[in-house]
Structure formats: structure tokens, C-alpha cells
Amino acid sequence: MKKVKLFTFPYAGGNSNIFSPWKKQLNNKIELNAVELPGRGYRTLEPPNNSIEEIVNGLLNIFIKNNSDYAMFGHSMGALIVFELLSLLKCKGIKLPFHVFSQACTLRIFKL
């Protein structure tokens, strides 16, 4: 069985390191892909994005190149990023995740 990719998105001001402890807890069939936004963590030297549109457009290539089954998890602002990214992926006809998890954020429910 192929590994399933789990893309994780941190809260505002957070970085990908908040998901590091998950590696020890996840099933070995799940590949953790903690997303790092410009201006955070190992991308500190890059200028940060100024809008949610810049963020999701900057992430688009990750999902254009992805051929694996995947899921998304967003915490707080990360959940908002996931929501906006899903809308963009659908509009562009790019493969959608089989499951989405959101935490600490109220999102409107919609059918993909």
C-alpha cells in the first residue's frame, strides 16, 4: 500500500515545527508534509505573504505536482488556508484530498 500524504498547516505565526511530534505518533503508512509558509521557520529569510490569496497561490504547485492520495489538516488560520486552497484546487481541476481536518476554526460547510 502506498503512503498517504498528510499536509498540515499551522496557526498564524506558527511554523512547521509544531507538527514534528506527530511523526512519532502517526501510522507508518502516513507521510507527514508540514507546510512552511514564507517568513516562518526554515523560510524565515523569504518575505512573508500579505494575503490569503498570495498564500494559496504560492502553495498551488505542491498540489499540481502531487499524484498521491492525500489529506489536509489545518489549525486555526491553517484551517482557513486549507479552505481557500480547496476552493482554488477545485477551480483549477486539481486532485482534491480524500479528507480534510480542521481545528480551532469555524468554517462554512460546502460540498466539493
Protein backbone atom coordinates (compact mmCIF):
# COMPACT_ATOMS: atom_id res chain seq x y z
CA MET A 1 0.00 0.00 0.00
CA LYS A 2 1.28 3.46 -0.91
CA LYS A 3 1.76 6.01 1.81
CA VAL A 4 -0.91 8.64 2.19
CA LYS A 5 0.36 12.19 2.42
CA LEU A 6 -0.94 14.38 5.21
CA PHE A 7 -0.39 18.07 4.54
CA THR A 8 -0.51 20.14 7.73
CA PHE A 9 -0.96 23.89 8.01
CA PRO A 10 -0.07 25.79 11.22
CA TYR A 11 -1.78 28.64 13.02
CA ALA A 12 -0.97 32.31 12.28
CA GLY A 13 2.63 32.97 13.31
CA GLY A 14 3.32 29.26 13.67
CA ASN A 15 5.71 27.15 11.68
CA SER A 16 6.01 23.56 10.52
CA ASN A 17 7.90 22.53 13.66
CA ILE A 18 4.67 22.38 15.65
CA PHE A 19 3.87 19.18 13.78
CA SER A 20 7.26 17.49 14.40
CA PRO A 21 5.99 15.44 17.37
CA TRP A 22 3.33 13.92 15.11
CA LYS A 23 5.99 11.93 13.22
CA LYS A 24 6.38 9.58 16.19
CA GLN A 25 2.62 9.17 16.60
CA LEU A 26 1.48 8.65 13.01
CA ASN A 27 0.99 5.27 11.40
CA ASN A 28 3.92 4.37 9.12
CA LYS A 29 1.50 4.48 6.16
CA ILE A 30 1.07 8.24 6.64
CA GLU A 31 3.71 10.63 5.31
CA LEU A 32 3.71 13.93 7.19
CA ASN A 33 4.15 17.00 4.97
CA ALA A 34 4.20 20.01 7.29
CA VAL A 35 3.76 23.12 5.15
CA GLU A 36 6.10 26.01 5.89
CA LEU A 37 4.92 29.45 4.82
CA PRO A 38 7.29 32.19 3.63
CA GLY A 39 8.69 34.24 6.51
CA ARG A 40 8.35 31.36 9.00
CA GLY A 41 10.61 28.58 10.26
CA TYR A 42 13.21 27.47 7.73
CA ARG A 43 11.78 30.04 5.27
CA THR A 44 12.42 32.99 7.61
CA LEU A 45 14.56 34.85 5.07
CA GLU A 46 11.75 34.90 2.50
CA PRO A 47 9.30 37.81 2.62
CA PRO A 48 6.00 36.78 4.21
CA ASN A 49 2.80 36.75 2.18
CA ASN A 50 0.46 39.72 2.55
CA SER A 51 -2.85 37.99 1.82
CA ILE A 52 -4.57 34.63 1.87
CA GLU A 53 -4.60 34.76 -1.94
CA GLU A 54 -0.80 35.02 -2.01
CA ILE A 55 -0.53 32.11 0.39
CA VAL A 56 -2.77 29.72 -1.55
CA ASN A 57 -1.34 30.72 -4.94
CA GLY A 58 2.13 30.05 -3.53
CA LEU A 59 1.06 26.57 -2.43
CA LEU A 60 -0.62 25.60 -5.69
CA ASN A 61 2.47 23.93 -7.24
CA ILE A 62 2.70 21.45 -4.36
CA PHE A 63 -0.69 20.07 -5.31
CA ILE A 64 -0.26 20.31 -9.08
CA LYS A 65 2.78 18.00 -8.75
CA ASN A 66 1.16 15.65 -6.22
CA ASN A 67 -0.10 12.34 -7.62
CA SER A 68 -0.62 10.60 -4.28
CA ASP A 69 -3.74 10.27 -2.21
CA TYR A 70 -3.66 12.95 0.43
CA ALA A 71 -5.45 14.61 3.30
CA MET A 72 -5.16 18.09 4.79
CA PHE A 73 -5.13 19.32 8.38
CA GLY A 74 -5.34 22.99 9.30
CA HIS A 75 -5.18 24.52 12.75
CA SER A 76 -6.79 27.94 13.23
CA MET A 77 -5.50 30.15 10.39
CA GLY A 78 -4.19 26.93 8.84
CA ALA A 79 -7.79 25.76 8.52
CA LEU A 80 -8.65 28.97 6.68
CA ILE A 81 -5.72 28.36 4.34
CA VAL A 82 -6.99 24.83 3.71
CA PHE A 83 -10.50 26.11 2.95
CA GLU A 84 -9.24 28.70 0.47
CA LEU A 85 -6.81 26.22 -1.06
CA LEU A 86 -9.61 23.69 -1.60
CA SER A 87 -11.62 26.30 -3.49
CA LEU A 88 -8.64 27.10 -5.72
CA LEU A 89 -7.81 23.43 -6.34
CA LYS A 90 -11.40 22.74 -7.35
CA CYS A 91 -11.50 25.74 -9.71
CA LYS A 92 -8.25 24.60 -11.36
CA GLY A 93 -9.40 20.97 -11.69
CA ILE A 94 -6.60 19.69 -9.46
CA LYS A 95 -6.99 16.47 -7.50
CA LEU A 96 -8.72 17.13 -4.17
CA PRO A 97 -7.86 15.50 -0.84
CA PHE A 98 -9.88 12.49 0.27
CA HIS A 99 -10.28 14.02 3.73
CA VAL A 100 -9.92 17.42 5.38
CA PHE A 101 -9.46 18.08 9.09
CA SER A 102 -9.84 21.50 10.67
CA GLN A 103 -9.26 22.53 14.24
CA ALA A 104 -9.89 25.75 16.18
CA CYS A 105 -11.63 27.48 13.29
CA THR A 106 -15.23 27.82 12.24
CA LEU A 107 -15.62 27.28 8.53
CA ARG A 108 -18.70 27.30 6.40
CA ILE A 109 -19.54 23.85 5.15
CA PHE A 110 -19.59 23.28 1.42
CA LYS A 111 -19.73 20.35 -0.94
CA LEU A 112 -16.78 19.84 -3.25
